[in-house]
Amino acid sequence: MQFLSLSMGWADNVLLAMGPLGIITIVVSTIRISGGRRLKSLIGR
């Protein structure tokens, strides 16, 4: 919450919005590469 009070403009808001998308992408990619059969079927590949 402290960073939200320090955000200066729209660029900061875009970066804050895209952060969780990167985390989700990393988790899904890790499951696709080294996950078990059940996890891969959960993800869809």
N, C-alpha and C. Protein backbone atom coordinates (compact mmCIF):
# COMPACT_ATOMS: atom_id res chain seq x y z
N MET A 1 0.81 -1.19 0.00
CA MET A 1 0.00 0.00 0.00
C MET A 1 0.86 1.26 0.00
N GLN A 2 2.07 1.16 0.52
CA GLN A 2 2.91 2.34 0.56
C GLN A 2 3.28 2.78 -0.85
N PHE A 3 3.51 1.82 -1.76
CA PHE A 3 3.88 2.19 -3.12
C PHE A 3 2.73 2.87 -3.83
N LEU A 4 1.49 2.47 -3.55
CA LEU A 4 0.35 3.10 -4.20
C LEU A 4 0.28 4.59 -3.86
N SER A 5 0.66 4.96 -2.67
CA SER A 5 0.62 6.37 -2.31
C SER A 5 1.76 7.15 -2.97
N LEU A 6 2.80 6.45 -3.42
CA LEU A 6 3.93 7.11 -4.07
C LEU A 6 3.87 7.06 -5.59
N SER A 7 2.86 6.41 -6.16
CA SER A 7 2.80 6.32 -7.62
C SER A 7 2.54 7.70 -8.21
N MET A 8 3.30 8.02 -9.24
CA MET A 8 3.29 9.38 -9.79
C MET A 8 2.36 9.56 -10.98
N GLY A 9 2.16 8.53 -11.77
CA GLY A 9 1.35 8.73 -12.97
C GLY A 9 0.81 7.44 -13.51
N TRP A 10 0.38 7.51 -14.75
CA TRP A 10 -0.26 6.35 -15.38
C TRP A 10 0.73 5.22 -15.62
N ALA A 11 2.00 5.56 -15.85
CA ALA A 11 2.99 4.52 -16.10
C ALA A 11 3.19 3.63 -14.87
N ASP A 12 3.19 4.23 -13.70
CA ASP A 12 3.29 3.45 -12.47
C ASP A 12 2.09 2.53 -12.30
N ASN A 13 0.92 3.03 -12.65
CA ASN A 13 -0.30 2.22 -12.53
C ASN A 13 -0.28 1.05 -13.50
N VAL A 14 0.25 1.26 -14.70
CA VAL A 14 0.36 0.17 -15.69
C VAL A 14 1.32 -0.90 -15.18
N LEU A 15 2.45 -0.48 -14.64
CA LEU A 15 3.41 -1.44 -14.10
C LEU A 15 2.83 -2.24 -12.94
N LEU A 16 2.07 -1.58 -12.08
CA LEU A 16 1.43 -2.28 -10.97
C LEU A 16 0.39 -3.27 -11.46
N ALA A 17 -0.30 -2.94 -12.53
CA ALA A 17 -1.33 -3.83 -13.07
C ALA A 17 -0.71 -5.04 -13.77
N MET A 18 0.46 -4.87 -14.39
CA MET A 18 1.07 -5.96 -15.15
C MET A 18 1.90 -6.90 -14.29
N GLY A 19 2.23 -6.51 -13.09
CA GLY A 19 3.02 -7.36 -12.20
C GLY A 19 2.40 -8.72 -11.94
N PRO A 20 1.13 -8.78 -11.53
CA PRO A 20 0.50 -10.09 -11.28
C PRO A 20 0.42 -10.96 -12.53
N LEU A 21 0.30 -10.36 -13.71
CA LEU A 21 0.27 -11.16 -14.95
C LEU A 21 1.59 -11.88 -15.16
N GLY A 22 2.69 -11.21 -14.83
CA GLY A 22 4.00 -11.84 -14.96
C GLY A 22 4.18 -12.99 -13.98
N ILE A 23 3.66 -12.82 -12.78
CA ILE A 23 3.76 -13.89 -11.78
C ILE A 23 2.96 -15.10 -12.22
N ILE A 24 1.75 -14.88 -12.74
CA ILE A 24 0.92 -15.99 -13.23
C ILE A 24 1.61 -16.69 -14.39
N THR A 25 2.22 -15.93 -15.29
CA THR A 25 2.92 -16.51 -16.44
C THR A 25 4.08 -17.38 -15.99
N ILE A 26 4.83 -16.93 -15.01
CA ILE A 26 5.97 -17.71 -14.50
C ILE A 26 5.49 -19.02 -13.87
N VAL A 27 4.42 -18.96 -13.09
CA VAL A 27 3.91 -20.18 -12.44
C VAL A 27 3.41 -21.17 -13.48
N VAL A 28 2.66 -20.70 -14.47
CA VAL A 28 2.13 -21.59 -15.51
C VAL A 28 3.26 -22.19 -16.33
N SER A 29 4.26 -21.39 -16.68
CA SER A 29 5.40 -21.91 -17.45
C SER A 29 6.16 -22.97 -16.67
N THR A 30 6.34 -22.75 -15.38
CA THR A 30 7.04 -23.73 -14.55
C THR A 30 6.27 -25.04 -14.49
N ILE A 31 4.96 -24.96 -14.37
CA ILE A 31 4.14 -26.18 -14.34
C ILE A 31 4.22 -26.90 -15.68
N ARG A 32 4.21 -26.15 -16.78
CA ARG A 32 4.28 -26.78 -18.10
C ARG A 32 5.62 -27.48 -18.31
N ILE A 33 6.69 -26.91 -17.78
CA ILE A 33 8.02 -27.49 -18.00
C ILE A 33 8.28 -28.67 -17.07
N SER A 34 8.02 -28.50 -15.78
CA SER A 34 8.44 -29.54 -14.84
C SER A 34 7.32 -30.08 -13.97
N GLY A 35 6.09 -29.77 -14.29
CA GLY A 35 4.98 -30.24 -13.48
C GLY A 35 4.61 -31.67 -13.78
N GLY A 36 3.87 -32.25 -12.88
CA GLY A 36 3.39 -33.61 -13.08
C GLY A 36 2.23 -33.66 -14.06
N ARG A 37 1.78 -34.84 -14.33
CA ARG A 37 0.72 -35.04 -15.31
C ARG A 37 -0.58 -34.36 -14.87
N ARG A 38 -0.88 -34.43 -13.57
CA ARG A 38 -2.10 -33.81 -13.06
C ARG A 38 -2.06 -32.30 -13.19
N LEU A 39 -0.93 -31.70 -12.85
CA LEU A 39 -0.83 -30.24 -12.95
C LEU A 39 -0.91 -29.78 -14.40
N LYS A 40 -0.27 -30.54 -15.29
CA LYS A 40 -0.33 -30.17 -16.71
C LYS A 40 -1.75 -30.26 -17.24
N SER A 41 -2.51 -31.25 -16.80
CA SER A 41 -3.89 -31.36 -17.25
C SER A 41 -4.74 -30.23 -16.66
N LEU A 42 -4.37 -29.77 -15.48
CA LEU A 42 -5.07 -28.64 -14.88
C LEU A 42 -4.82 -27.36 -15.67
N ILE A 43 -3.60 -27.17 -16.13
CA ILE A 43 -3.25 -25.98 -16.90
C ILE A 43 -3.82 -26.07 -18.31
N GLY A 44 -3.83 -27.26 -18.87
CA GLY A 44 -4.40 -27.41 -20.20
C GLY A 44 -3.43 -27.93 -21.24
N ARG A 45 -2.25 -28.31 -20.81
CA ARG A 45 -1.29 -28.88 -21.76
C ARG A 45 -0.63 -30.07 -21.15
